[in-house]
Protein backbone atom coordinates (compact mmCIF):
# COMPACT_ATOMS: atom_id res chain seq x y z
CA MET A 1 0.18 -0.21 0.17
CA LYS A 2 2.90 2.17 1.01
CA GLU A 3 4.09 2.26 -2.52
CA PHE A 4 1.43 2.94 -4.20
CA VAL A 5 0.98 6.17 -1.95
CA VAL A 6 4.70 6.87 -3.35
CA GLN A 7 3.66 6.30 -7.04
CA ILE A 8 0.60 8.52 -6.77
CA LEU A 9 2.41 11.41 -4.90
CA GLU A 10 5.10 10.91 -7.69
CA GLN A 11 2.78 11.22 -10.72
CA ILE A 12 1.01 13.90 -8.92
CA MET A 13 4.41 15.91 -8.56
CA LEU A 14 4.83 15.08 -12.70
CA TRP A 15 1.86 16.42 -13.67
CA ALA A 16 2.46 19.61 -11.52
CA GLY A 17 6.03 19.95 -12.51
CA LEU A 18 4.70 19.84 -16.33
CA VAL A 19 1.56 21.88 -15.54
CA LEU A 20 4.23 24.65 -14.24
CA ALA A 21 6.88 24.00 -17.35
CA TRP A 22 3.67 24.86 -19.76
CA ALA A 23 2.30 27.85 -17.77
CA SER A 24 5.86 29.65 -17.68
CA GLY A 25 5.99 28.83 -21.70
CA GLU A 26 4.83 31.68 -23.95
CA ALA A 27 1.52 30.04 -24.42
CA GLY A 28 0.95 29.32 -20.89
CA ARG A 29 1.48 32.76 -20.30
CA ILE A 30 -0.98 34.20 -22.43
CA PHE A 31 -3.78 31.95 -21.45
CA VAL A 32 -3.05 33.22 -18.06
CA ALA A 33 -3.16 36.69 -19.04
CA GLY A 34 -6.39 35.79 -21.45
CA GLY A 35 -7.98 34.15 -17.92
CA ALA A 36 -6.68 37.32 -15.58
CA GLY A 37 -8.16 39.59 -18.40
CA SER A 38 -11.50 37.64 -18.34
CA LEU A 39 -11.56 37.48 -14.62
CA THR A 40 -10.95 41.38 -13.99
CA ARG A 41 -14.18 41.61 -16.49
CA TRP A 42 -16.11 39.68 -14.40
CA LEU A 43 -15.04 41.29 -11.29
CA PHE A 44 -16.23 44.74 -12.76
CA SER A 45 -19.67 43.26 -13.67
CA GLU A 46 -22.88 43.68 -11.54
CA ARG A 47 -23.93 40.64 -10.90
CA ARG A 48 -21.01 38.41 -9.35
CA ARG A 49 -21.47 34.43 -9.51
CA ILE A 50 -18.75 31.79 -9.77
CA ARG A 51 -20.26 29.83 -12.16
CA ASP A 52 -19.83 32.66 -14.05
CA GLY A 53 -16.52 33.82 -13.14
CA ALA A 54 -15.25 30.35 -13.76
CA VAL A 55 -16.97 29.90 -17.13
CA GLN A 56 -15.26 33.40 -18.05
CA VAL A 57 -11.51 32.61 -17.10
CA ILE A 58 -12.10 29.72 -19.25
CA THR A 59 -13.53 31.83 -22.18
CA GLY A 60 -11.22 34.55 -21.80
CA SER A 61 -7.98 32.28 -22.15
CA LEU A 62 -9.27 30.03 -25.16
CA LEU A 63 -10.35 34.02 -26.49
CA ALA A 64 -6.24 35.17 -25.69
CA HIS A 65 -4.64 31.73 -27.08
CA TYR A 66 -7.06 32.79 -30.39
CA MET A 67 -7.13 36.38 -30.73
CA TRP A 68 -3.70 37.55 -29.41
CA PRO A 69 -2.19 38.25 -32.52
CA TRP A 70 -5.09 40.43 -33.81
CA THR A 71 -5.05 42.38 -30.82
CA LEU A 72 -1.33 43.23 -30.83
CA ALA A 73 -1.69 44.20 -34.70
CA VAL A 74 -4.38 46.72 -33.45
CA MET A 75 -2.58 48.18 -30.75
CA THR A 76 0.60 48.11 -32.52
CA VAL A 77 -1.14 50.52 -34.99
CA ALA A 78 -2.68 52.74 -32.07
CA LEU A 79 0.90 52.66 -30.32
CA PRO A 80 3.49 51.75 -32.27
CA SER A 81 5.90 51.74 -29.77
CA LEU A 82 4.22 48.02 -28.15
CA GLY A 83 5.38 46.28 -31.05
CA GLY A 84 8.92 45.49 -30.09
CA GLU A 85 8.44 45.21 -26.29
CA PRO A 86 9.00 41.73 -25.15
CA ASP A 87 5.79 41.05 -23.13
CA SER A 88 3.40 42.53 -25.92
CA LYS A 89 2.12 38.86 -26.86
CA VAL A 90 0.91 38.41 -23.36
CA MET A 91 -0.29 42.14 -22.60
CA ALA A 92 -2.43 41.33 -25.98
CA GLY A 93 -3.43 38.04 -24.45
CA PHE A 94 -4.72 40.10 -20.87
CA VAL A 95 -6.68 43.03 -23.41
CA SER A 96 -7.90 39.99 -25.72
CA GLY A 97 -9.32 38.41 -22.29
CA LEU A 98 -10.89 41.40 -20.64
CA VAL A 99 -12.37 42.72 -24.57
CA GLY A 100 -13.20 39.48 -25.72
CA ILE A 101 -15.75 38.41 -23.08
CA SER A 102 -17.36 42.19 -23.41
CA ALA A 103 -17.53 41.88 -27.31
CA ALA A 104 -18.81 38.22 -26.08
CA LYS A 105 -21.98 39.18 -24.10
CA ILE A 106 -22.55 42.03 -26.49
CA ALA A 107 -22.94 39.41 -29.39
CA LEU A 108 -25.14 37.45 -27.35
CA ALA A 109 -27.22 40.14 -26.44
CA MET A 110 -27.83 40.99 -29.69
CA ILE A 111 -28.95 37.50 -31.02
CA GLU A 112 -30.92 37.12 -27.69
CA ALA A 113 -33.02 40.33 -28.33
CA ARG A 114 -33.50 39.29 -31.75
CA ALA A 115 -34.43 35.63 -31.00
CA GLY A 116 -36.73 37.38 -28.50
CA GLY A 117 -38.41 39.62 -31.07
CA ARG A 118 -39.67 37.08 -33.09
CA ASP A 119 -41.05 35.01 -30.28
CA ASN A 120 -43.38 37.84 -29.47
CA GLY A 121 -44.68 37.76 -33.51
CA THR A 122 -43.11 40.99 -34.61
CA PRO A 123 -40.38 40.83 -37.48
């Protein structure tokens, strides 16, 4: 039984080390920054539920992973000095998580308003 516990602890330590190594890499830093951006957006919302916060952090991380190049391009056009900074990608990930959640909420509100109008019989 003691060997089994040692093996489990070794596996846990191995996986924890792998997660930390990934999180300290470029992709992991962008994921974490996007999650932090969406968490910031959640903290400023009027109604805060833990479930909504968890969903927003996951969504913000995914948005940051896919949207940071476009966000960085837009930010570089507005402020050209940001392009050469070493942490520009991470900053773009944070902004993608922050703004992406707001944009998603706006898009969903528009879809719900349009769907709600059709339920009432109005075009």
